[in-house]
Amino acid sequence: MPDLDYVRREIERMRIQIGRQRKEILQLQRAGIGTASAEALLSRMEAKVETLCAERDTLKAAQPRAAKGRVLGGRTW
């Protein structure tokens, strides 16, 4: 199972790709070119991000909670 940092990086990378894909779709629409296949790809990419977000939430919930301790530089008494 991948670690939390990997899943977070993958989500960020996919979100960047989704933004680029949306821009390409707009360019194709302005040029009058069909965008059905590009929109299908975009929906698959969005579904993948949703899956990764669910996986991230599961991994985050499974992590042990950090003990609430002192504030940095706080008193020890």
PDB file of N, CA and C in Angstrom:
ATOM      1  N   MET A   1       0.846  -1.178   0.000  1.00  0.00           N
ATOM      2  CA  MET A   1       0.000   0.000   0.000  1.00  0.00           C
ATOM      3  C   MET A   1       0.894   1.246   0.000  1.00  0.00           C
ATOM      4  N   PRO A   2       0.603   2.208  -0.866  1.00  0.00           N
ATOM      5  CA  PRO A   2       1.444   3.411  -0.929  1.00  0.00           C
ATOM      6  C   PRO A   2       1.316   4.253   0.338  1.00  0.00           C
ATOM      7  N   ASP A   3       2.345   5.039   0.569  1.00  0.00           N
ATOM      8  CA  ASP A   3       2.308   5.880   1.762  1.00  0.00           C
ATOM      9  C   ASP A   3       1.559   7.174   1.487  1.00  0.00           C
ATOM     10  N   LEU A   4       1.271   7.893   2.543  1.00  0.00           N
ATOM     11  CA  LEU A   4       0.444   9.094   2.480  1.00  0.00           C
ATOM     12  C   LEU A   4       1.083  10.181   1.614  1.00  0.00           C
ATOM     13  N   ASP A   5       2.397  10.361   1.743  1.00  0.00           N
ATOM     14  CA  ASP A   5       3.072  11.397   0.956  1.00  0.00           C
ATOM     15  C   ASP A   5       2.988  11.110  -0.542  1.00  0.00           C
ATOM     16  N   TYR A   6       3.140   9.842  -0.914  1.00  0.00           N
ATOM     17  CA  TYR A   6       3.047   9.471  -2.322  1.00  0.00           C
ATOM     18  C   TYR A   6       1.657   9.788  -2.875  1.00  0.00           C
ATOM     19  N   VAL A   7       0.630   9.428  -2.118  1.00  0.00           N
ATOM     20  CA  VAL A   7      -0.745   9.657  -2.578  1.00  0.00           C
ATOM     21  C   VAL A   7      -1.001  11.156  -2.722  1.00  0.00           C
ATOM     22  N   ARG A   8      -0.508  11.943  -1.777  1.00  0.00           N
ATOM     23  CA  ARG A   8      -0.691  13.402  -1.865  1.00  0.00           C
ATOM     24  C   ARG A   8       0.005  13.982  -3.091  1.00  0.00           C
ATOM     25  N   ARG A   9       1.219  13.514  -3.370  1.00  0.00           N
ATOM     26  CA  ARG A   9       1.940  13.996  -4.563  1.00  0.00           C
ATOM     27  C   ARG A   9       1.219  13.596  -5.836  1.00  0.00           C
ATOM     28  N   GLU A  10       0.692  12.377  -5.858  1.00  0.00           N
ATOM     29  CA  GLU A  10      -0.026  11.896  -7.034  1.00  0.00           C
ATOM     30  C   GLU A  10      -1.306  12.704  -7.263  1.00  0.00           C
ATOM     31  N   ILE A  11      -2.010  13.048  -6.203  1.00  0.00           N
ATOM     32  CA  ILE A  11      -3.217  13.876  -6.323  1.00  0.00           C
ATOM     33  C   ILE A  11      -2.851  15.234  -6.914  1.00  0.00           C
ATOM     34  N   GLU A  12      -1.788  15.833  -6.404  1.00  0.00           N
ATOM     35  CA  GLU A  12      -1.366  17.149  -6.900  1.00  0.00           C
ATOM     36  C   GLU A  12      -0.982  17.073  -8.379  1.00  0.00           C
ATOM     37  N   ARG A  13      -0.240  16.027  -8.746  1.00  0.00           N
ATOM     38  CA  ARG A  13       0.175  15.857 -10.144  1.00  0.00           C
ATOM     39  C   ARG A  13      -1.038  15.685 -11.053  1.00  0.00           C
ATOM     40  N   MET A  14      -2.000  14.884 -10.606  1.00  0.00           N
ATOM     41  CA  MET A  14      -3.192  14.655 -11.414  1.00  0.00           C
ATOM     42  C   MET A  14      -4.034  15.928 -11.543  1.00  0.00           C
ATOM     43  N   ARG A  15      -4.106  16.713 -10.487  1.00  0.00           N
ATOM     44  CA  ARG A  15      -4.865  17.972 -10.561  1.00  0.00           C
ATOM     45  C   ARG A  15      -4.244  18.935 -11.558  1.00  0.00           C
ATOM     46  N   ILE A  16      -2.935  18.962 -11.620  1.00  0.00           N
ATOM     47  CA  ILE A  16      -2.253  19.803 -12.609  1.00  0.00           C
ATOM     48  C   ILE A  16      -2.584  19.314 -14.016  1.00  0.00           C
ATOM     49  N   GLN A  17      -2.544  17.993 -14.208  1.00  0.00           N
ATOM     50  CA  GLN A  17      -2.878  17.430 -15.513  1.00  0.00           C
ATOM     51  C   GLN A  17      -4.323  17.733 -15.902  1.00  0.00           C
ATOM     52  N   ILE A  18      -5.228  17.687 -14.941  1.00  0.00           N
ATOM     53  CA  ILE A  18      -6.634  17.980 -15.216  1.00  0.00           C
ATOM     54  C   ILE A  18      -6.784  19.424 -15.685  1.00  0.00           C
ATOM     55  N   GLY A  19      -6.077  20.335 -15.041  1.00  0.00           N
ATOM     56  CA  GLY A  19      -6.117  21.736 -15.481  1.00  0.00           C
ATOM     57  C   GLY A  19      -5.642  21.902 -16.904  1.00  0.00           C
ATOM     58  N   ARG A  20      -4.563  21.222 -17.237  1.00  0.00           N
ATOM     59  CA  ARG A  20      -4.052  21.286 -18.619  1.00  0.00           C
ATOM     60  C   ARG A  20      -5.045  20.695 -19.601  1.00  0.00           C
ATOM     61  N   GLN A  21      -5.668  19.581 -19.204  1.00  0.00           N
ATOM     62  CA  GLN A  21      -6.645  18.934 -20.073  1.00  0.00           C
ATOM     63  C   GLN A  21      -7.842  19.854 -20.318  1.00  0.00           C
ATOM     64  N   ARG A  22      -8.287  20.552 -19.289  1.00  0.00           N
ATOM     65  CA  ARG A  22      -9.413  21.493 -19.459  1.00  0.00           C
ATOM     66  C   ARG A  22      -9.052  22.603 -20.432  1.00  0.00           C
ATOM     67  N   LYS A  23      -7.824  23.118 -20.323  1.00  0.00           N
ATOM     68  CA  LYS A  23      -7.376  24.167 -21.248  1.00  0.00           C
ATOM     69  C   LYS A  23      -7.343  23.652 -22.683  1.00  0.00           C
ATOM     70  N   GLU A  24      -6.873  22.417 -22.859  1.00  0.00           N
ATOM     71  CA  GLU A  24      -6.840  21.837 -24.206  1.00  0.00           C
ATOM     72  C   GLU A  24      -8.245  21.662 -24.765  1.00  0.00           C
ATOM     73  N   ILE A  25      -9.180  21.257 -23.924  1.00  0.00           N
ATOM     74  CA  ILE A  25     -10.561  21.096 -24.379  1.00  0.00           C
ATOM     75  C   ILE A  25     -11.127  22.435 -24.832  1.00  0.00           C
ATOM     76  N   LEU A  26     -10.852  23.493 -24.065  1.00  0.00           N
ATOM     77  CA  LEU A  26     -11.325  24.819 -24.471  1.00  0.00           C
ATOM     78  C   LEU A  26     -10.729  25.238 -25.808  1.00  0.00           C
ATOM     79  N   GLN A  27      -9.447  24.948 -26.012  1.00  0.00           N
ATOM     80  CA  GLN A  27      -8.808  25.290 -27.290  1.00  0.00           C
ATOM     81  C   GLN A  27      -9.450  24.513 -28.440  1.00  0.00           C
ATOM     82  N   LEU A  28      -9.717  23.241 -28.206  1.00  0.00           N
ATOM     83  CA  LEU A  28     -10.356  22.435 -29.249  1.00  0.00           C
ATOM     84  C   LEU A  28     -11.759  22.945 -29.555  1.00  0.00           C
ATOM     85  N   GLN A  29     -12.500  23.334 -28.514  1.00  0.00           N
ATOM     86  CA  GLN A  29     -13.852  23.844 -28.732  1.00  0.00           C
ATOM     87  C   GLN A  29     -13.820  25.144 -29.520  1.00  0.00           C
ATOM     88  N   ARG A  30     -12.854  26.004 -29.206  1.00  0.00           N
ATOM     89  CA  ARG A  30     -12.731  27.268 -29.957  1.00  0.00           C
ATOM     90  C   ARG A  30     -12.398  27.018 -31.424  1.00  0.00           C
ATOM     91  N   ALA A  31     -11.633  25.954 -31.669  1.00  0.00           N
ATOM     92  CA  ALA A  31     -11.252  25.629 -33.043  1.00  0.00           C
ATOM     93  C   ALA A  31     -12.350  24.855 -33.767  1.00  0.00           C
ATOM     94  N   GLY A  32     -13.406  24.482 -33.050  1.00  0.00           N
ATOM     95  CA  GLY A  32     -14.506  23.764 -33.676  1.00  0.00           C
ATOM     96  C   GLY A  32     -14.236  22.282 -33.853  1.00  0.00           C
ATOM     97  N   ILE A  33     -13.318  21.740 -33.094  1.00  0.00           N
ATOM     98  CA  ILE A  33     -12.967  20.318 -33.175  1.00  0.00           C
ATOM     99  C   ILE A  33     -13.733  19.570 -32.091  1.00  0.00           C
ATOM    100  N   GLY A  34     -14.156  18.365 -32.394  1.00  0.00           N
ATOM    101  CA  GLY A  34     -14.901  17.548 -31.434  1.00  0.00           C
ATOM    102  C   GLY A  34     -14.073  17.238 -30.196  1.00  0.00           C
ATOM    103  N   THR A  35     -14.729  17.259 -29.053  1.00  0.00           N
ATOM    104  CA  THR A  35     -14.016  17.076 -27.793  1.00  0.00           C
ATOM    105  C   THR A  35     -14.535  15.893 -26.986  1.00  0.00           C
ATOM    106  N   ALA A  36     -15.306  15.016 -27.591  1.00  0.00           N
ATOM    107  CA  ALA A  36     -15.921  13.915 -26.844  1.00  0.00           C
ATOM    108  C   ALA A  36     -14.865  13.017 -26.201  1.00  0.00           C
ATOM    109  N   SER A  37     -13.846  12.643 -26.950  1.00  0.00           N
ATOM    110  CA  SER A  37     -12.833  11.750 -26.384  1.00  0.00           C
ATOM    111  C   SER A  37     -12.009  12.463 -25.312  1.00  0.00           C
ATOM    112  N   ALA A  38     -11.735  13.747 -25.509  1.00  0.00           N
ATOM    113  CA  ALA A  38     -10.982  14.506 -24.512  1.00  0.00           C
ATOM    114  C   ALA A  38     -11.795  14.664 -23.228  1.00  0.00           C
ATOM    115  N   GLU A  39     -13.103  14.864 -23.361  1.00  0.00           N
ATOM    116  CA  GLU A  39     -13.960  14.987 -22.189  1.00  0.00           C
ATOM    117  C   GLU A  39     -14.088  13.656 -21.461  1.00  0.00           C
ATOM    118  N   ALA A  40     -14.085  12.546 -22.205  1.00  0.00           N
ATOM    119  CA  ALA A  40     -14.123  11.224 -21.576  1.00  0.00           C
ATOM    120  C   ALA A  40     -12.844  10.989 -20.777  1.00  0.00           C
ATOM    121  N   LEU A  41     -11.710  11.387 -21.349  1.00  0.00           N
ATOM    122  CA  LEU A  41     -10.440  11.268 -20.637  1.00  0.00           C
ATOM    123  C   LEU A  41     -10.454  12.122 -19.373  1.00  0.00           C
ATOM    124  N   LEU A  42     -10.983  13.327 -19.482  1.00  0.00           N
ATOM    125  CA  LEU A  42     -11.059  14.221 -18.334  1.00  0.00           C
ATOM    126  C   LEU A  42     -11.912  13.609 -17.212  1.00  0.00           C
ATOM    127  N   SER A  43     -13.022  13.012 -17.566  1.00  0.00           N
ATOM    128  CA  SER A  43     -13.873  12.400 -16.533  1.00  0.00           C
ATOM    129  C   SER A  43     -13.169  11.214 -15.877  1.00  0.00           C
ATOM    130  N   ARG A  44     -12.391  10.437 -16.647  1.00  0.00           N
ATOM    131  CA  ARG A  44     -11.631   9.334 -16.052  1.00  0.00           C
ATOM    132  C   ARG A  44     -10.551   9.860 -15.117  1.00  0.00           C
ATOM    133  N   MET A  45      -9.914  10.959 -15.497  1.00  0.00           N
ATOM    134  CA  MET A  45      -8.885  11.561 -14.650  1.00  0.00           C
ATOM    135  C   MET A  45      -9.505  12.063 -13.341  1.00  0.00           C
ATOM    136  N   GLU A  46     -10.666  12.698 -13.440  1.00  0.00           N
ATOM    137  CA  GLU A  46     -11.340  13.194 -12.239  1.00  0.00           C
ATOM    138  C   GLU A  46     -11.765  12.053 -11.325  1.00  0.00           C
ATOM    139  N   ALA A  47     -12.209  10.944 -11.913  1.00  0.00           N
ATOM    140  CA  ALA A  47     -12.581   9.779 -11.110  1.00  0.00           C
ATOM    141  C   ALA A  47     -11.353   9.207 -10.397  1.00  0.00           C
ATOM    142  N   LYS A  48     -10.218   9.213 -11.074  1.00  0.00           N
ATOM    143  CA  LYS A  48      -8.977   8.719 -10.467  1.00  0.00           C
ATOM    144  C   LYS A  48      -8.576   9.603  -9.277  1.00  0.00           C
ATOM    145  N   VAL A  49      -8.732  10.919  -9.419  1.00  0.00           N
ATOM    146  CA  VAL A  49      -8.410  11.826  -8.320  1.00  0.00           C
ATOM    147  C   VAL A  49      -9.349  11.579  -7.140  1.00  0.00           C
ATOM    148  N   GLU A  50     -10.613  11.366  -7.407  1.00  0.00           N
ATOM    149  CA  GLU A  50     -11.558  11.076  -6.330  1.00  0.00           C
ATOM    150  C   GLU A  50     -11.175   9.794  -5.601  1.00  0.00           C
ATOM    151  N   THR A  51     -10.736   8.784  -6.352  1.00  0.00           N
ATOM    152  CA  THR A  51     -10.287   7.525  -5.748  1.00  0.00           C
ATOM    153  C   THR A  51      -9.057   7.763  -4.880  1.00  0.00           C
ATOM    154  N   LEU A  52      -8.113   8.557  -5.404  1.00  0.00           N
ATOM    155  CA  LEU A  52      -6.904   8.861  -4.643  1.00  0.00           C
ATOM    156  C   LEU A  52      -7.226   9.657  -3.376  1.00  0.00           C
ATOM    157  N   CYS A  53      -8.182  10.563  -3.461  1.00  0.00           N
ATOM    158  CA  CYS A  53      -8.576  11.340  -2.279  1.00  0.00           C
ATOM    159  C   CYS A  53      -9.180  10.433  -1.211  1.00  0.00           C
ATOM    160  N   ALA A  54      -9.985   9.461  -1.627  1.00  0.00           N
ATOM    161  CA  ALA A  54     -10.553   8.515  -0.673  1.00  0.00           C
ATOM    162  C   ALA A  54      -9.446   7.674  -0.042  1.00  0.00           C
ATOM    163  N   GLU A  55      -8.474   7.271  -0.863  1.00  0.00           N
ATOM    164  CA  GLU A  55      -7.345   6.501  -0.337  1.00  0.00           C
ATOM    165  C   GLU A  55      -6.526   7.341   0.636  1.00  0.00           C
ATOM    166  N   ARG A  56      -6.337   8.624   0.302  1.00  0.00           N
ATOM    167  CA  ARG A  56      -5.601   9.524   1.188  1.00  0.00           C
ATOM    168  C   ARG A  56      -6.315   9.665   2.528  1.00  0.00           C
ATOM    169  N   ASP A  57      -7.632   9.816   2.487  1.00  0.00           N
ATOM    170  CA  ASP A  57      -8.397   9.954   3.720  1.00  0.00           C
ATOM    171  C   ASP A  57      -8.304   8.695   4.572  1.00  0.00           C
ATOM    172  N   THR A  58      -8.318   7.525   3.927  1.00  0.00           N
ATOM    173  CA  THR A  58      -8.192   6.268   4.653  1.00  0.00           C
ATOM    174  C   THR A  58      -6.821   6.156   5.305  1.00  0.00           C
ATOM    175  N   LEU A  59      -5.775   6.504   4.550  1.00  0.00           N
ATOM    176  CA  LEU A  59      -4.418   6.441   5.091  1.00  0.00           C
ATOM    177  C   LEU A  59      -4.235   7.426   6.241  1.00  0.00           C
ATOM    178  N   LYS A  60      -4.830   8.603   6.084  1.00  0.00           N
ATOM    179  CA  LYS A  60      -4.699   9.613   7.128  1.00  0.00           C
ATOM    180  C   LYS A  60      -5.400   9.164   8.409  1.00  0.00           C
ATOM    181  N   ALA A  61      -6.559   8.535   8.271  1.00  0.00           N
ATOM    182  CA  ALA A  61      -7.294   8.059   9.441  1.00  0.00           C
ATOM    183  C   ALA A  61      -6.558   6.905  10.124  1.00  0.00           C
ATOM    184  N   ALA A  62      -5.809   6.123   9.350  1.00  0.00           N
ATOM    185  CA  ALA A  62      -5.105   4.965   9.902  1.00  0.00           C
ATOM    186  C   ALA A  62      -3.818   5.351  10.619  1.00  0.00           C
ATOM    187  N   GLN A  63      -3.338   6.563  10.381  1.00  0.00           N
ATOM    188  CA  GLN A  63      -2.102   6.992  11.030  1.00  0.00           C
ATOM    189  C   GLN A  63      -2.330   7.217  12.511  1.00  0.00           C
ATOM    190  N   PRO A  64      -1.336   6.862  13.315  1.00  0.00           N
ATOM    191  CA  PRO A  64      -1.479   7.143  14.750  1.00  0.00           C
ATOM    192  C   PRO A  64      -1.476   8.649  14.986  1.00  0.00           C
ATOM    193  N   ARG A  65      -2.317   9.055  15.891  1.00  0.00           N
ATOM    194  CA  ARG A  65      -2.411  10.480  16.210  1.00  0.00           C
ATOM    195  C   ARG A  65      -1.173  10.916  16.978  1.00  0.00           C
ATOM    196  N   ALA A  66      -0.699  12.102  16.677  1.00  0.00           N
ATOM    197  CA  ALA A  66       0.421  12.656  17.428  1.00  0.00           C
ATOM    198  C   ALA A  66      -0.085  13.043  18.814  1.00  0.00           C
ATOM    199  N   ALA A  67       0.672  12.685  19.822  1.00  0.00           N
ATOM    200  CA  ALA A  67       0.267  13.006  21.189  1.00  0.00           C
ATOM    201  C   ALA A  67       0.315  14.511  21.386  1.00  0.00           C
ATOM    202  N   LYS A  68      -0.725  15.033  21.983  1.00  0.00           N
ATOM    203  CA  LYS A  68      -0.745  16.464  22.247  1.00  0.00           C
ATOM    204  C   LYS A  68       0.201  16.727  23.406  1.00  0.00           C
ATOM    205  N   GLY A  69       1.250  17.417  23.120  1.00  0.00           N
ATOM    206  CA  GLY A  69       2.259  17.655  24.134  1.00  0.00           C
ATOM    207  C   GLY A  69       2.458  19.131  24.356  1.00  0.00           C
ATOM    208  N   ARG A  70       3.608  19.431  24.755  1.00  0.00           N
ATOM    209  CA  ARG A  70       3.936  20.815  25.071  1.00  0.00           C
ATOM    210  C   ARG A  70       4.121  21.626  23.797  1.00  0.00           C
ATOM    211  N   VAL A  71       3.965  22.888  23.964  1.00  0.00           N
ATOM    212  CA  VAL A  71       4.245  23.827  22.894  1.00  0.00           C
ATOM    213  C   VAL A  71       5.758  23.920  22.780  1.00  0.00           C
ATOM    214  N   LEU A  72       6.243  24.117  21.578  1.00  0.00           N
ATOM    215  CA  LEU A  72       7.688  24.258  21.411  1.00  0.00           C
ATOM    216  C   LEU A  72       8.222  25.353  22.319  1.00  0.00           C
ATOM    217  N   GLY A  73       9.232  25.024  23.078  1.00  0.00           N
ATOM    218  CA  GLY A  73       9.828  26.005  23.974  1.00  0.00           C
ATOM    219  C   GLY A  73       9.013  26.241  25.223  1.00  0.00           C
ATOM    220  N   GLY A  74       7.994  25.414  25.445  1.00  0.00           N
ATOM    221  CA  GLY A  74       7.120  25.601  26.600  1.00  0.00           C
ATOM    222  C   GLY A  74       7.766  25.135  27.887  1.00  0.00           C
ATOM    223  N   ARG A  75       7.105  25.429  28.938  1.00  0.00           N
ATOM    224  CA  ARG A  75       7.616  25.068  30.257  1.00  0.00           C
ATOM    225  C   ARG A  75       7.444  23.569  30.496  1.00  0.00           C
ATOM    226  N   THR A  76       8.309  23.009  31.308  1.00  0.00           N
ATOM    227  CA  THR A  76       8.264  21.582  31.582  1.00  0.00           C
ATOM    228  C   THR A  76       7.628  21.273  32.930  1.00  0.00           C
ATOM    229  N   TRP A  77       7.136  22.235  33.671  1.00  0.00           N
ATOM    230  CA  TRP A  77       6.557  21.976  34.988  1.00  0.00           C
ATOM    231  C   TRP A  77       5.109  21.963  34.942  1.00  0.00           C
TER     232      TRP A  77
END
